[in-house]
C-alpha atoms as a PDB file:
ATOM      1  CA  MET A   1    -118.121 170.082  24.645  1.00  0.00           C
ATOM      2  CA  HIS A   2    -121.818 169.206  24.750  1.00  0.00           C
ATOM      3  CA  SER A   3    -124.569 171.612  25.690  1.00  0.00           C
ATOM      4  CA  CYS A   4    -126.183 171.160  29.114  1.00  0.00           C
ATOM      5  CA  ASN A   5    -129.931 170.548  28.817  1.00  0.00           C
ATOM      6  CA  HIS A   6    -130.808 170.514  32.525  1.00  0.00           C
ATOM      7  CA  ALA A   7    -129.135 170.649  35.950  1.00  0.00           C
ATOM      8  CA  THR A   8    -130.291 170.621  39.560  1.00  0.00           C
ATOM      9  CA  PHE A   9    -128.843 170.682  43.099  1.00  0.00           C
ATOM     10  CA  ASN A  10    -129.283 167.952  45.694  1.00  0.00           C
ATOM     11  CA  MET A  11    -131.041 168.833  48.973  1.00  0.00           C
ATOM     12  CA  LYS A  12    -127.728 169.439  50.813  1.00  0.00           C
ATOM     13  CA  GLY A  13    -126.657 171.874  48.104  1.00  0.00           C
ATOM     14  CA  ASP A  14    -123.205 170.348  47.636  1.00  0.00           C
ATOM     15  CA  THR A  15    -123.800 168.332  44.457  1.00  0.00           C
ATOM     16  CA  ILE A  16    -125.233 169.147  41.043  1.00  0.00           C
ATOM     17  CA  VAL A  17    -126.492 166.576  38.571  1.00  0.00           C
ATOM     18  CA  SER A  18    -126.584 167.550  34.895  1.00  0.00           C
ATOM     19  CA  CYS A  19    -127.536 165.985  31.575  1.00  0.00           C
ATOM     20  CA  ASP A  20    -126.412 167.037  28.137  1.00  0.00           C
ATOM     21  CA  SER A  21    -127.324 166.878  24.468  1.00  0.00           C
ATOM     22  CA  TYR A  22    -125.449 163.574  24.021  1.00  0.00           C
ATOM     23  CA  GLY A  23    -127.209 161.776  26.883  1.00  0.00           C
ATOM     24  CA  VAL A  24    -124.350 162.088  29.393  1.00  0.00           C
ATOM     25  CA  LEU A  25    -125.312 162.394  33.078  1.00  0.00           C
ATOM     26  CA  LYS A  26    -122.724 163.964  35.425  1.00  0.00           C
ATOM     27  CA  LEU A  27    -122.577 164.440  39.179  1.00  0.00           C
ATOM     28  CA  TRP A  28    -120.593 167.569  40.078  1.00  0.00           C
ATOM     29  CA  ASP A  29    -118.928 168.428  43.385  1.00  0.00           C
ATOM     30  CA  ILE A  30    -119.568 172.183  43.627  1.00  0.00           C
ATOM     31  CA  ARG A  31    -116.742 172.677  46.151  1.00  0.00           C
ATOM     32  CA  LYS A  32    -114.202 171.343  43.650  1.00  0.00           C
ATOM     33  CA  GLY A  33    -116.020 172.450  40.507  1.00  0.00           C
ATOM     34  CA  ALA A  34    -115.281 169.090  38.945  1.00  0.00           C
ATOM     35  CA  PRO A  35    -117.348 166.095  37.852  1.00  0.00           C
ATOM     36  CA  MET A  36    -117.347 163.127  40.265  1.00  0.00           C
ATOM     37  CA  VAL A  37    -119.204 160.644  38.054  1.00  0.00           C
ATOM     38  CA  SER A  38    -120.021 160.586  34.351  1.00  0.00           C
ATOM     39  CA  ILE A  39    -122.469 158.081  32.825  1.00  0.00           C
ATOM     40  CA  ASP A  40    -123.082 157.852  29.098  1.00  0.00           C
ATOM     41  CA  ALA A  41    -126.783 157.063  28.659  1.00  0.00           C
ATOM     42  CA  GLY A  42    -126.761 158.249  25.011  1.00  0.00           C
ATOM     43  CA  PRO A  43    -127.065 158.521  22.131  1.00  0.00           C
ATOM     44  CA  HIS A  44    -130.257 160.512  22.765  1.00  0.00           C
ATOM     45  CA  PRO A  45    -130.193 163.822  24.642  1.00  0.00           C
ATOM     46  CA  GLY A  46    -130.968 163.969  28.344  1.00  0.00           C
ATOM     47  CA  ASN A  47    -133.956 166.208  28.943  1.00  0.00           C
ATOM     48  CA  HIS A  48    -134.381 166.288  32.717  1.00  0.00           C
ATOM     49  CA  VAL A  49    -132.403 165.256  35.794  1.00  0.00           C
ATOM     50  CA  THR A  50    -133.479 164.969  39.397  1.00  0.00           C
ATOM     51  CA  PHE A  51    -132.350 163.646  42.780  1.00  0.00           C
ATOM     52  CA  ASP A  52    -134.508 161.316  44.814  1.00  0.00           C
ATOM     53  CA  PRO A  53    -135.590 162.697  48.240  1.00  0.00           C
ATOM     54  CA  SER A  54    -132.581 161.085  49.983  1.00  0.00           C
ATOM     55  CA  GLY A  55    -130.228 163.088  47.753  1.00  0.00           C
ATOM     56  CA  TYR A  56    -128.055 160.040  47.062  1.00  0.00           C
ATOM     57  CA  LEU A  57    -129.568 158.853  43.767  1.00  0.00           C
ATOM     58  CA  ALA A  58    -129.926 160.905  40.617  1.00  0.00           C
ATOM     59  CA  GLY A  59    -131.867 160.031  37.496  1.00  0.00           C
ATOM     60  CA  THR A  60    -132.028 161.339  33.975  1.00  0.00           C
ATOM     61  CA  PHE A  61    -134.697 160.844  31.384  1.00  0.00           C
ATOM     62  CA  VAL A  62    -133.830 160.754  27.713  1.00  0.00           C
ATOM     63  CA  SER A  63    -136.109 160.694  24.716  1.00  0.00           C
ATOM     64  CA  PRO A  64    -137.208 159.382  22.307  1.00  0.00           C
ATOM     65  CA  ALA A  65    -135.778 156.152  23.743  1.00  0.00           C
ATOM     66  CA  PHE A  66    -137.188 156.893  27.249  1.00  0.00           C
ATOM     67  CA  ARG A  67    -134.158 155.323  28.889  1.00  0.00           C
ATOM     68  CA  GLN A  68    -133.529 155.897  32.549  1.00  0.00           C
ATOM     69  CA  SER A  69    -130.051 156.069  34.085  1.00  0.00           C
ATOM     70  CA  LEU A  70    -129.133 156.254  37.750  1.00  0.00           C
ATOM     71  CA  ALA A  71    -126.052 157.512  39.524  1.00  0.00           C
ATOM     72  CA  LYS A  72    -125.332 157.037  43.207  1.00  0.00           C
ATOM     73  CA  ASP A  73    -123.395 159.483  45.373  1.00  0.00           C
ATOM     74  CA  ASP A  74    -121.204 157.187  47.525  1.00  0.00           C
ATOM     75  CA  ARG A  75    -119.353 159.919  49.427  1.00  0.00           C
ATOM     76  CA  ASN A  76    -121.357 159.272  52.618  1.00  0.00           C
END
């Protein structure tokens, strides 16, 4: 299990995006309490995650590589 470095809700409040110490971004369905999508952006830790204003795209920022990964919520 990797430590969670940051997490945030989308605007609707039904999805959480998180990033961990291995650079893995996950979208979580809070109703099910289970991950919907997992993207390995590693090997550097994810430091911050956010949703865009639409709530359908999430991004994580990792350093020192400054990579950017995106996940899309396709439920709607």
